[in-house]
N, C-alpha and C. Protein backbone atom coordinates (compact mmCIF):
# COMPACT_ATOMS: atom_id res chain seq x y z
N MET A 1 30.25 -47.59 59.53
CA MET A 1 29.54 -47.90 60.77
C MET A 1 28.90 -46.64 61.33
N GLU A 2 27.60 -46.60 61.32
CA GLU A 2 26.88 -45.42 61.79
C GLU A 2 26.43 -45.62 63.24
N GLN A 3 26.67 -44.60 64.07
CA GLN A 3 26.28 -44.69 65.47
C GLN A 3 24.94 -44.01 65.68
N SER A 4 24.06 -44.66 66.45
CA SER A 4 22.77 -44.08 66.76
C SER A 4 22.90 -43.20 67.99
N LEU A 5 22.37 -41.99 67.88
CA LEU A 5 22.39 -41.07 69.01
C LEU A 5 21.02 -41.06 69.67
N LEU A 6 21.01 -41.12 70.99
CA LEU A 6 19.78 -41.12 71.77
C LEU A 6 19.60 -39.75 72.41
N ASN A 7 18.46 -39.12 72.13
CA ASN A 7 18.15 -37.81 72.71
C ASN A 7 17.82 -37.98 74.19
N ILE A 8 18.59 -37.29 75.06
CA ILE A 8 18.34 -37.37 76.50
C ILE A 8 17.81 -36.04 77.05
N GLY A 9 17.36 -35.18 76.14
CA GLY A 9 16.71 -33.94 76.53
C GLY A 9 17.55 -32.70 76.36
N PHE A 10 16.88 -31.60 76.00
CA PHE A 10 17.47 -30.27 75.90
C PHE A 10 18.67 -30.22 74.96
N GLY A 11 18.55 -30.94 73.84
CA GLY A 11 19.59 -30.91 72.82
C GLY A 11 20.79 -31.81 73.12
N SER A 12 20.74 -32.58 74.18
CA SER A 12 21.85 -33.47 74.53
C SER A 12 21.57 -34.88 74.02
N THR A 13 22.63 -35.53 73.56
CA THR A 13 22.51 -36.90 73.07
C THR A 13 23.65 -37.75 73.61
N VAL A 14 23.44 -39.06 73.64
CA VAL A 14 24.49 -40.02 73.95
C VAL A 14 24.48 -41.10 72.87
N VAL A 15 25.60 -41.78 72.70
CA VAL A 15 25.68 -42.87 71.73
C VAL A 15 24.93 -44.06 72.31
N ALA A 16 23.88 -44.48 71.64
CA ALA A 16 22.98 -45.52 72.17
C ALA A 16 23.70 -46.84 72.43
N ASP A 17 24.64 -47.20 71.58
CA ASP A 17 25.34 -48.48 71.72
C ASP A 17 26.25 -48.53 72.94
N ARG A 18 26.53 -47.39 73.54
CA ARG A 18 27.44 -47.33 74.69
C ARG A 18 26.69 -47.36 76.02
N ILE A 19 25.36 -47.38 75.99
CA ILE A 19 24.55 -47.36 77.22
C ILE A 19 24.54 -48.75 77.85
N VAL A 20 24.82 -48.79 79.15
CA VAL A 20 24.74 -50.04 79.91
C VAL A 20 23.39 -50.12 80.62
N SER A 21 22.95 -48.98 81.21
CA SER A 21 21.72 -48.99 81.99
C SER A 21 21.13 -47.59 82.06
N ILE A 22 19.80 -47.55 82.19
CA ILE A 22 19.06 -46.31 82.42
C ILE A 22 18.25 -46.52 83.69
N VAL A 23 18.55 -45.74 84.73
CA VAL A 23 17.95 -45.99 86.04
C VAL A 23 17.35 -44.71 86.62
N SER A 24 16.48 -44.90 87.59
CA SER A 24 15.88 -43.80 88.33
C SER A 24 16.86 -43.37 89.43
N PRO A 25 16.96 -42.08 89.72
CA PRO A 25 17.96 -41.60 90.68
C PRO A 25 17.51 -41.61 92.14
N ASN A 26 16.36 -42.20 92.44
CA ASN A 26 15.77 -42.02 93.77
C ASN A 26 16.36 -42.87 94.87
N SER A 27 16.99 -43.99 94.56
CA SER A 27 17.49 -44.88 95.61
C SER A 27 18.85 -44.41 96.16
N ALA A 28 19.15 -44.84 97.35
CA ALA A 28 20.42 -44.48 97.99
C ALA A 28 21.63 -44.99 97.19
N PRO A 29 21.60 -46.23 96.66
CA PRO A 29 22.74 -46.67 95.85
C PRO A 29 22.99 -45.80 94.62
N MET A 30 21.92 -45.32 94.00
CA MET A 30 22.09 -44.47 92.82
C MET A 30 22.65 -43.10 93.22
N LYS A 31 22.25 -42.59 94.37
CA LYS A 31 22.81 -41.32 94.86
C LYS A 31 24.30 -41.49 95.17
N ARG A 32 24.66 -42.64 95.73
CA ARG A 32 26.08 -42.93 96.00
C ARG A 32 26.86 -43.03 94.70
N LEU A 33 26.28 -43.71 93.71
CA LEU A 33 26.92 -43.85 92.40
C LEU A 33 27.19 -42.48 91.79
N LYS A 34 26.20 -41.60 91.88
CA LYS A 34 26.33 -40.24 91.35
C LYS A 34 27.44 -39.48 92.08
N ASP A 35 27.46 -39.57 93.41
CA ASP A 35 28.47 -38.86 94.20
C ASP A 35 29.87 -39.39 93.91
N GLU A 36 30.02 -40.71 93.77
CA GLU A 36 31.33 -41.29 93.46
C GLU A 36 31.81 -40.84 92.09
N ALA A 37 30.90 -40.81 91.11
CA ALA A 37 31.26 -40.37 89.77
C ALA A 37 31.69 -38.90 89.77
N LYS A 38 31.01 -38.09 90.57
CA LYS A 38 31.37 -36.67 90.67
C LYS A 38 32.77 -36.52 91.25
N ASN A 39 33.06 -37.29 92.30
CA ASN A 39 34.38 -37.22 92.93
C ASN A 39 35.48 -37.70 91.99
N ASP A 40 35.16 -38.69 91.15
CA ASP A 40 36.14 -39.25 90.21
C ASP A 40 36.17 -38.51 88.88
N LYS A 41 35.38 -37.44 88.76
CA LYS A 41 35.29 -36.64 87.53
C LYS A 41 34.80 -37.47 86.34
N ARG A 42 33.82 -38.35 86.59
CA ARG A 42 33.19 -39.18 85.55
C ARG A 42 31.74 -38.80 85.35
N LEU A 43 31.29 -37.71 86.00
CA LEU A 43 29.88 -37.31 85.96
C LEU A 43 29.65 -36.29 84.85
N ILE A 44 28.63 -36.54 84.04
CA ILE A 44 28.23 -35.60 82.99
C ILE A 44 26.81 -35.15 83.31
N ASP A 45 26.66 -33.87 83.61
CA ASP A 45 25.35 -33.32 83.98
C ASP A 45 24.70 -32.70 82.76
N ALA A 46 23.69 -33.38 82.22
CA ALA A 46 22.96 -32.89 81.04
C ALA A 46 21.56 -32.42 81.42
N THR A 47 21.37 -32.00 82.69
CA THR A 47 20.05 -31.59 83.16
C THR A 47 19.73 -30.14 82.86
N HIS A 48 20.73 -29.35 82.50
CA HIS A 48 20.55 -27.91 82.25
C HIS A 48 19.91 -27.21 83.45
N GLY A 49 20.34 -27.59 84.64
CA GLY A 49 19.86 -26.94 85.86
C GLY A 49 18.54 -27.45 86.39
N ARG A 50 17.96 -28.40 85.73
CA ARG A 50 16.68 -28.96 86.19
C ARG A 50 16.92 -30.16 87.10
N ARG A 51 15.85 -30.66 87.69
CA ARG A 51 15.94 -31.80 88.59
C ARG A 51 16.35 -33.07 87.83
N THR A 52 17.23 -33.86 88.42
CA THR A 52 17.66 -35.11 87.81
C THR A 52 16.54 -36.13 87.90
N ARG A 53 16.12 -36.65 86.75
CA ARG A 53 15.04 -37.64 86.72
C ARG A 53 15.50 -39.01 86.22
N SER A 54 16.73 -39.07 85.68
CA SER A 54 17.27 -40.36 85.28
C SER A 54 18.79 -40.30 85.28
N ILE A 55 19.38 -41.48 85.50
CA ILE A 55 20.83 -41.64 85.46
C ILE A 55 21.13 -42.67 84.39
N ILE A 56 22.03 -42.31 83.49
CA ILE A 56 22.42 -43.20 82.40
C ILE A 56 23.86 -43.65 82.67
N ILE A 57 24.04 -44.95 82.74
CA ILE A 57 25.37 -45.51 82.98
C ILE A 57 25.93 -45.96 81.64
N MET A 58 27.12 -45.47 81.33
CA MET A 58 27.76 -45.76 80.04
C MET A 58 28.81 -46.84 80.20
N ASP A 59 29.17 -47.49 79.10
CA ASP A 59 30.18 -48.55 79.16
C ASP A 59 31.59 -48.01 79.44
N SER A 60 31.78 -46.71 79.33
CA SER A 60 33.05 -46.07 79.66
C SER A 60 33.16 -45.76 81.14
N ASN A 61 32.13 -46.17 81.90
CA ASN A 61 32.03 -45.92 83.34
C ASN A 61 31.66 -44.48 83.66
N HIS A 62 31.26 -43.71 82.66
CA HIS A 62 30.75 -42.36 82.89
C HIS A 62 29.29 -42.46 83.32
N ILE A 63 28.87 -41.49 84.11
CA ILE A 63 27.49 -41.39 84.57
C ILE A 63 26.91 -40.11 84.00
N VAL A 64 25.79 -40.24 83.28
CA VAL A 64 25.14 -39.09 82.65
C VAL A 64 23.82 -38.83 83.36
N LEU A 65 23.62 -37.58 83.79
CA LEU A 65 22.37 -37.18 84.44
C LEU A 65 21.47 -36.52 83.40
N SER A 66 20.17 -36.85 83.46
CA SER A 66 19.20 -36.25 82.54
C SER A 66 17.97 -35.80 83.32
N ALA A 67 17.33 -34.75 82.81
CA ALA A 67 16.10 -34.25 83.42
C ALA A 67 14.86 -34.93 82.84
N ILE A 68 15.07 -35.89 81.94
CA ILE A 68 13.97 -36.64 81.34
C ILE A 68 13.77 -37.93 82.14
N GLN A 69 12.51 -38.34 82.31
CA GLN A 69 12.20 -39.56 83.06
C GLN A 69 12.90 -40.78 82.45
N ALA A 70 13.34 -41.70 83.31
CA ALA A 70 14.01 -42.92 82.85
C ALA A 70 13.11 -43.71 81.90
N GLU A 71 11.82 -43.76 82.18
CA GLU A 71 10.89 -44.50 81.32
C GLU A 71 10.84 -43.91 79.92
N THR A 72 10.85 -42.59 79.83
CA THR A 72 10.81 -41.91 78.54
C THR A 72 12.07 -42.21 77.74
N ILE A 73 13.22 -42.14 78.39
CA ILE A 73 14.48 -42.43 77.71
C ILE A 73 14.51 -43.89 77.27
N SER A 74 14.01 -44.79 78.11
CA SER A 74 13.96 -46.21 77.76
C SER A 74 13.09 -46.44 76.53
N GLN A 75 11.96 -45.73 76.45
CA GLN A 75 11.08 -45.85 75.28
C GLN A 75 11.78 -45.36 74.02
N ARG A 76 12.49 -44.23 74.14
CA ARG A 76 13.23 -43.70 73.01
C ARG A 76 14.31 -44.70 72.57
N TYR A 77 14.96 -45.32 73.54
CA TYR A 77 16.01 -46.30 73.26
C TYR A 77 15.43 -47.51 72.50
N SER A 78 14.30 -48.00 72.97
CA SER A 78 13.71 -49.16 72.30
C SER A 78 13.20 -48.80 70.90
N MET A 79 12.75 -47.58 70.70
CA MET A 79 12.32 -47.14 69.38
C MET A 79 13.51 -47.07 68.41
N LEU A 80 14.68 -46.70 68.93
CA LEU A 80 15.89 -46.68 68.09
C LEU A 80 16.18 -48.09 67.59
N GLY A 81 16.06 -49.07 68.47
CA GLY A 81 16.34 -50.45 68.11
C GLY A 81 15.38 -50.97 67.06
N GLU A 82 14.12 -50.55 67.14
CA GLU A 82 13.11 -50.98 66.17
C GLU A 82 13.33 -50.34 64.81
N ALA A 83 13.88 -49.13 64.81
CA ALA A 83 14.07 -48.40 63.56
C ALA A 83 15.22 -48.97 62.73
N GLN A 84 16.11 -49.73 63.35
CA GLN A 84 17.27 -50.25 62.63
C GLN A 84 16.99 -51.59 62.01
């Protein structure tokens, strides 16, 4: 069983099959989600010090921050599905 890795920018990847949602970080609920994950030690910051442009919600309840636009990551995700 081979797992597909999704590039989320700057050499960071996540297992594509474990992604629940890819969202924009601009709304108040998403900011709350990020803060709650940080307090619960479930936050993974993969921005490398850059501005957060997308939030990836994993099935393990971890929250991954990326500096790549949500639309770009979504396109990469759909391309992975087409390649299989």
